Amino acid sequence: VDYLELRDAGLGPAPAHGSARLLVAARLGITRLLDNIEMQIETPAGTAGPDGQYAQSPWRN
């Protein structure tokens, strides 16, 4: 893996929550692979929400 970075939607510093983009570059033999995926950063799974109930972070692809 050449790099794996989490950035905001505009490719600035990673946000604590909201829209983000995960960027990756890796080599497979002589081929360099580049990819990215849009993500939503929300309350981490297993943490208490505002009502004291545990929250789950949905995976969005």
PDB file of N, CA and C in Angstrom:
ATOM      1  N   VAL A   1       0.854  -1.175   0.000  1.00  0.00           N
ATOM      2  CA  VAL A   1       0.000   0.000   0.000  1.00  0.00           C
ATOM      3  C   VAL A   1       0.895   1.231   0.000  1.00  0.00           C
ATOM      4  N   ASP A   2       0.739   2.077  -1.023  1.00  0.00           N
ATOM      5  CA  ASP A   2       1.494   3.331  -1.086  1.00  0.00           C
ATOM      6  C   ASP A   2       0.901   4.351  -0.118  1.00  0.00           C
ATOM      7  N   TYR A   3      -0.422   4.462  -0.113  1.00  0.00           N
ATOM      8  CA  TYR A   3      -1.077   5.313   0.876  1.00  0.00           C
ATOM      9  C   TYR A   3      -2.525   4.907   1.060  1.00  0.00           C
ATOM     10  N   LEU A   4      -3.049   5.228   2.231  1.00  0.00           N
ATOM     11  CA  LEU A   4      -4.448   5.039   2.600  1.00  0.00           C
ATOM     12  C   LEU A   4      -4.786   6.247   3.454  1.00  0.00           C
ATOM     13  N   GLU A   5      -5.653   7.119   2.939  1.00  0.00           N
ATOM     14  CA  GLU A   5      -5.955   8.372   3.636  1.00  0.00           C
ATOM     15  C   GLU A   5      -7.450   8.621   3.685  1.00  0.00           C
ATOM     16  N   LEU A   6      -7.885   9.208   4.781  1.00  0.00           N
ATOM     17  CA  LEU A   6      -9.259   9.669   4.922  1.00  0.00           C
ATOM     18  C   LEU A   6      -9.223  11.186   4.812  1.00  0.00           C
ATOM     19  N   ARG A   7     -10.032  11.756   3.912  1.00  0.00           N
ATOM     20  CA  ARG A   7     -10.073  13.203   3.679  1.00  0.00           C
ATOM     21  C   ARG A   7     -11.526  13.662   3.666  1.00  0.00           C
ATOM     22  N   ASP A   8     -11.746  14.971   3.746  1.00  0.00           N
ATOM     23  CA  ASP A   8     -13.112  15.468   3.601  1.00  0.00           C
ATOM     24  C   ASP A   8     -13.509  15.383   2.129  1.00  0.00           C
ATOM     25  N   ALA A   9     -14.763  15.677   1.828  1.00  0.00           N
ATOM     26  CA  ALA A   9     -15.276  15.525   0.459  1.00  0.00           C
ATOM     27  C   ALA A   9     -14.511  16.386  -0.549  1.00  0.00           C
ATOM     28  N   GLY A  10     -13.928  17.505  -0.112  1.00  0.00           N
ATOM     29  CA  GLY A  10     -13.150  18.377  -0.991  1.00  0.00           C
ATOM     30  C   GLY A  10     -11.661  18.067  -0.963  1.00  0.00           C
ATOM     31  N   LEU A  11     -11.293  16.928  -0.390  1.00  0.00           N
ATOM     32  CA  LEU A  11      -9.916  16.437  -0.266  1.00  0.00           C
ATOM     33  C   LEU A  11      -9.074  17.233   0.730  1.00  0.00           C
ATOM     34  N   GLY A  12      -9.739  17.972   1.626  1.00  0.00           N
ATOM     35  CA  GLY A  12      -9.038  18.661   2.710  1.00  0.00           C
ATOM     36  C   GLY A  12      -8.816  17.705   3.877  1.00  0.00           C
ATOM     37  N   PRO A  13      -8.443  18.231   5.040  1.00  0.00           N
ATOM     38  CA  PRO A  13      -8.208  17.386   6.216  1.00  0.00           C
ATOM     39  C   PRO A  13      -9.436  16.544   6.573  1.00  0.00           C
ATOM     40  N   ALA A  14      -9.200  15.383   7.165  1.00  0.00           N
ATOM     41  CA  ALA A  14     -10.284  14.457   7.523  1.00  0.00           C
ATOM     42  C   ALA A  14     -11.232  15.098   8.536  1.00  0.00           C
ATOM     43  N   PRO A  15     -12.534  14.962   8.329  1.00  0.00           N
ATOM     44  CA  PRO A  15     -13.506  15.520   9.263  1.00  0.00           C
ATOM     45  C   PRO A  15     -13.746  14.573  10.444  1.00  0.00           C
ATOM     46  N   ALA A  16     -14.239  15.105  11.553  1.00  0.00           N
ATOM     47  CA  ALA A  16     -14.612  14.267  12.695  1.00  0.00           C
ATOM     48  C   ALA A  16     -15.935  13.556  12.418  1.00  0.00           C
ATOM     49  N   HIS A  17     -16.791  14.184  11.613  1.00  0.00           N
ATOM     50  CA  HIS A  17     -18.059  13.568  11.219  1.00  0.00           C
ATOM     51  C   HIS A  17     -18.551  14.238   9.940  1.00  0.00           C
ATOM     52  N   GLY A  18     -19.472  13.565   9.255  1.00  0.00           N
ATOM     53  CA  GLY A  18     -20.012  14.088   8.001  1.00  0.00           C
ATOM     54  C   GLY A  18     -19.415  13.383   6.792  1.00  0.00           C
ATOM     55  N   SER A  19     -19.490  14.027   5.632  1.00  0.00           N
ATOM     56  CA  SER A  19     -19.008  13.433   4.381  1.00  0.00           C
ATOM     57  C   SER A  19     -17.487  13.352   4.357  1.00  0.00           C
ATOM     58  N   ALA A  20     -16.992  12.217   3.878  1.00  0.00           N
ATOM     59  CA  ALA A  20     -15.547  12.004   3.776  1.00  0.00           C
ATOM     60  C   ALA A  20     -15.263  11.129   2.564  1.00  0.00           C
ATOM     61  N   ARG A  21     -14.001  11.009   2.227  1.00  0.00           N
ATOM     62  CA  ARG A  21     -13.578  10.164   1.107  1.00  0.00           C
ATOM     63  C   ARG A  21     -12.346   9.387   1.553  1.00  0.00           C
ATOM     64  N   LEU A  22     -12.372   8.052   1.367  1.00  0.00           N
ATOM     65  CA  LEU A  22     -11.243   7.188   1.676  1.00  0.00           C
ATOM     66  C   LEU A  22     -10.472   6.957   0.384  1.00  0.00           C
ATOM     67  N   LEU A  23      -9.186   7.314   0.380  1.00  0.00           N
ATOM     68  CA  LEU A  23      -8.328   7.219  -0.807  1.00  0.00           C
ATOM     69  C   LEU A  23      -7.274   6.141  -0.586  1.00  0.00           C
ATOM     70  N   VAL A  24      -7.009   5.341  -1.611  1.00  0.00           N
ATOM     71  CA  VAL A  24      -5.998   4.289  -1.500  1.00  0.00           C
ATOM     72  C   VAL A  24      -5.209   4.174  -2.801  1.00  0.00           C
ATOM     73  N   ALA A  25      -3.920   3.922  -2.659  1.00  0.00           N
ATOM     74  CA  ALA A  25      -3.046   3.605  -3.795  1.00  0.00           C
ATOM     75  C   ALA A  25      -2.194   2.419  -3.360  1.00  0.00           C
ATOM     76  N   ALA A  26      -2.089   1.432  -4.233  1.00  0.00           N
ATOM     77  CA  ALA A  26      -1.306   0.233  -3.926  1.00  0.00           C
ATOM     78  C   ALA A  26      -0.707  -0.315  -5.207  1.00  0.00           C
ATOM     79  N   ARG A  27       0.309  -1.137  -5.068  1.00  0.00           N
ATOM     80  CA  ARG A  27       0.944  -1.772  -6.228  1.00  0.00           C
ATOM     81  C   ARG A  27       0.643  -3.259  -6.216  1.00  0.00           C
ATOM     82  N   LEU A  28       0.351  -3.776  -7.398  1.00  0.00           N
ATOM     83  CA  LEU A  28       0.159  -5.201  -7.617  1.00  0.00           C
ATOM     84  C   LEU A  28       1.063  -5.555  -8.789  1.00  0.00           C
ATOM     85  N   GLY A  29       2.242  -6.081  -8.469  1.00  0.00           N
ATOM     86  CA  GLY A  29       3.248  -6.283  -9.513  1.00  0.00           C
ATOM     87  C   GLY A  29       3.745  -4.927  -9.982  1.00  0.00           C
ATOM     88  N   ILE A  30       3.701  -4.690 -11.297  1.00  0.00           N
ATOM     89  CA  ILE A  30       4.135  -3.391 -11.828  1.00  0.00           C
ATOM     90  C   ILE A  30       2.961  -2.427 -12.004  1.00  0.00           C
ATOM     91  N   THR A  31       1.751  -2.892 -11.678  1.00  0.00           N
ATOM     92  CA  THR A  31       0.550  -2.066 -11.845  1.00  0.00           C
ATOM     93  C   THR A  31       0.249  -1.305 -10.559  1.00  0.00           C
ATOM     94  N   ARG A  32      -0.002  -0.005 -10.683  1.00  0.00           N
ATOM     95  CA  ARG A  32      -0.397   0.814  -9.536  1.00  0.00           C
ATOM     96  C   ARG A  32      -1.910   0.978  -9.574  1.00  0.00           C
ATOM     97  N   LEU A  33      -2.560   0.597  -8.482  1.00  0.00           N
ATOM     98  CA  LEU A  33      -4.014   0.675  -8.375  1.00  0.00           C
ATOM     99  C   LEU A  33      -4.396   1.886  -7.532  1.00  0.00           C
ATOM    100  N   LEU A  34      -5.362   2.661  -8.011  1.00  0.00           N
ATOM    101  CA  LEU A  34      -5.867   3.841  -7.307  1.00  0.00           C
ATOM    102  C   LEU A  34      -7.373   3.697  -7.163  1.00  0.00           C
ATOM    103  N   ASP A  35      -7.903   4.023  -5.990  1.00  0.00           N
ATOM    104  CA  ASP A  35      -9.350   3.967  -5.813  1.00  0.00           C
ATOM    105  C   ASP A  35      -9.751   4.908  -4.692  1.00  0.00           C
ATOM    106  N   ASN A  36     -11.038   5.202  -4.628  1.00  0.00           N
ATOM    107  CA  ASN A  36     -11.583   6.028  -3.561  1.00  0.00           C
ATOM    108  C   ASN A  36     -13.047   5.679  -3.383  1.00  0.00           C
ATOM    109  N   ILE A  37     -13.578   5.959  -2.202  1.00  0.00           N
ATOM    110  CA  ILE A  37     -14.981   5.706  -1.907  1.00  0.00           C
ATOM    111  C   ILE A  37     -15.494   6.821  -1.004  1.00  0.00           C
ATOM    112  N   GLU A  38     -16.713   7.262  -1.273  1.00  0.00           N
ATOM    113  CA  GLU A  38     -17.349   8.268  -0.431  1.00  0.00           C
ATOM    114  C   GLU A  38     -17.883   7.580   0.813  1.00  0.00           C
ATOM    115  N   MET A  39     -17.731   8.229   1.970  1.00  0.00           N
ATOM    116  CA  MET A  39     -18.185   7.664   3.238  1.00  0.00           C
ATOM    117  C   MET A  39     -18.900   8.735   4.042  1.00  0.00           C
ATOM    118  N   GLN A  40     -19.727   8.292   4.988  1.00  0.00           N
ATOM    119  CA  GLN A  40     -20.341   9.169   5.970  1.00  0.00           C
ATOM    120  C   GLN A  40     -19.801   8.773   7.334  1.00  0.00           C
ATOM    121  N   ILE A  41     -19.198   9.713   8.036  1.00  0.00           N
ATOM    122  CA  ILE A  41     -18.673   9.441   9.376  1.00  0.00           C
ATOM    123  C   ILE A  41     -19.743   9.880  10.362  1.00  0.00           C
ATOM    124  N   GLU A  42     -20.218   8.916  11.146  1.00  0.00           N
ATOM    125  CA  GLU A  42     -21.288   9.181  12.103  1.00  0.00           C
ATOM    126  C   GLU A  42     -20.857   8.717  13.482  1.00  0.00           C
ATOM    127  N   THR A  43     -21.792   8.651  14.416  1.00  0.00           N
ATOM    128  CA  THR A  43     -21.505   8.189  15.766  1.00  0.00           C
ATOM    129  C   THR A  43     -20.958   6.769  15.714  1.00  0.00           C
ATOM    130  N   PRO A  44     -19.811   6.493  16.330  1.00  0.00           N
ATOM    131  CA  PRO A  44     -19.246   5.138  16.293  1.00  0.00           C
ATOM    132  C   PRO A  44     -20.197   4.111  16.898  1.00  0.00           C
ATOM    133  N   ALA A  45     -20.204   2.911  16.338  1.00  0.00           N
ATOM    134  CA  ALA A  45     -21.032   1.820  16.860  1.00  0.00           C
ATOM    135  C   ALA A  45     -20.637   1.530  18.299  1.00  0.00           C
ATOM    136  N   GLY A  46     -21.637   1.297  19.135  1.00  0.00           N
ATOM    137  CA  GLY A  46     -21.368   0.948  20.522  1.00  0.00           C
ATOM    138  C   GLY A  46     -21.221   2.140  21.442  1.00  0.00           C
ATOM    139  N   THR A  47     -21.361   3.356  20.934  1.00  0.00           N
ATOM    140  CA  THR A  47     -21.287   4.528  21.797  1.00  0.00           C
ATOM    141  C   THR A  47     -22.697   5.010  22.085  1.00  0.00           C
ATOM    142  N   ALA A  48     -22.861   5.620  23.203  1.00  0.00           N
ATOM    143  CA  ALA A  48     -24.183   6.091  23.592  1.00  0.00           C
ATOM    144  C   ALA A  48     -24.557   7.339  22.807  1.00  0.00           C
ATOM    145  N   GLY A  49     -25.762   7.348  22.290  1.00  0.00           N
ATOM    146  CA  GLY A  49     -26.284   8.501  21.574  1.00  0.00           C
ATOM    147  C   GLY A  49     -26.833   9.521  22.557  1.00  0.00           C
ATOM    148  N   PRO A  50     -27.454  10.601  22.074  1.00  0.00           N
ATOM    149  CA  PRO A  50     -27.954  11.655  22.953  1.00  0.00           C
ATOM    150  C   PRO A  50     -29.034  11.172  23.916  1.00  0.00           C
ATOM    151  N   ASP A  51     -29.770  10.120  23.546  1.00  0.00           N
ATOM    152  CA  ASP A  51     -30.827   9.608  24.422  1.00  0.00           C
ATOM    153  C   ASP A  51     -30.314   8.509  25.355  1.00  0.00           C
ATOM    154  N   GLY A  52     -29.000   8.255  25.359  1.00  0.00           N
ATOM    155  CA  GLY A  52     -28.419   7.242  26.221  1.00  0.00           C
ATOM    156  C   GLY A  52     -28.456   5.841  25.643  1.00  0.00           C
ATOM    157  N   GLN A  53     -29.118   5.679  24.500  1.00  0.00           N
ATOM    158  CA  GLN A  53     -29.183   4.371  23.853  1.00  0.00           C
ATOM    159  C   GLN A  53     -27.937   4.179  22.992  1.00  0.00           C
ATOM    160  N   TYR A  54     -27.552   2.921  22.787  1.00  0.00           N
ATOM    161  CA  TYR A  54     -26.399   2.644  21.927  1.00  0.00           C
ATOM    162  C   TYR A  54     -26.748   2.897  20.477  1.00  0.00           C
ATOM    163  N   ALA A  55     -25.822   3.487  19.753  1.00  0.00           N
ATOM    164  CA  ALA A  55     -26.028   3.821  18.342  1.00  0.00           C
ATOM    165  C   ALA A  55     -25.234   2.865  17.466  1.00  0.00           C
ATOM    166  N   GLN A  56     -25.721   2.601  16.280  1.00  0.00           N
ATOM    167  CA  GLN A  56     -25.019   1.795  15.291  1.00  0.00           C
ATOM    168  C   GLN A  56     -24.718   2.681  14.093  1.00  0.00           C
ATOM    169  N   SER A  57     -23.521   2.578  13.566  1.00  0.00           N
ATOM    170  CA  SER A  57     -23.160   3.329  12.366  1.00  0.00           C
ATOM    171  C   SER A  57     -23.484   2.496  11.142  1.00  0.00           C
ATOM    172  N   PRO A  58     -24.395   2.954  10.287  1.00  0.00           N
ATOM    173  CA  PRO A  58     -24.723   2.177   9.094  1.00  0.00           C
ATOM    174  C   PRO A  58     -23.586   2.258   8.078  1.00  0.00           C
ATOM    175  N   TRP A  59     -23.294   1.148   7.418  1.00  0.00           N
ATOM    176  CA  TRP A  59     -22.299   1.141   6.343  1.00  0.00           C
ATOM    177  C   TRP A  59     -22.994   1.617   5.092  1.00  0.00           C
ATOM    178  N   ARG A  60     -22.461   2.642   4.460  1.00  0.00           N
ATOM    179  CA  ARG A  60     -23.050   3.160   3.222  1.00  0.00           C
ATOM    180  C   ARG A  60     -22.021   3.047   2.133  1.00  0.00           C
ATOM    181  N   ASN A  61     -22.406   2.423   1.053  1.00  0.00           N
ATOM    182  CA  ASN A  61     -21.483   2.252  -0.059  1.00  0.00           C
ATOM    183  C   ASN A  61     -21.994   3.017  -1.249  1.00  0.00           C
TER     184      ASN A  61
END
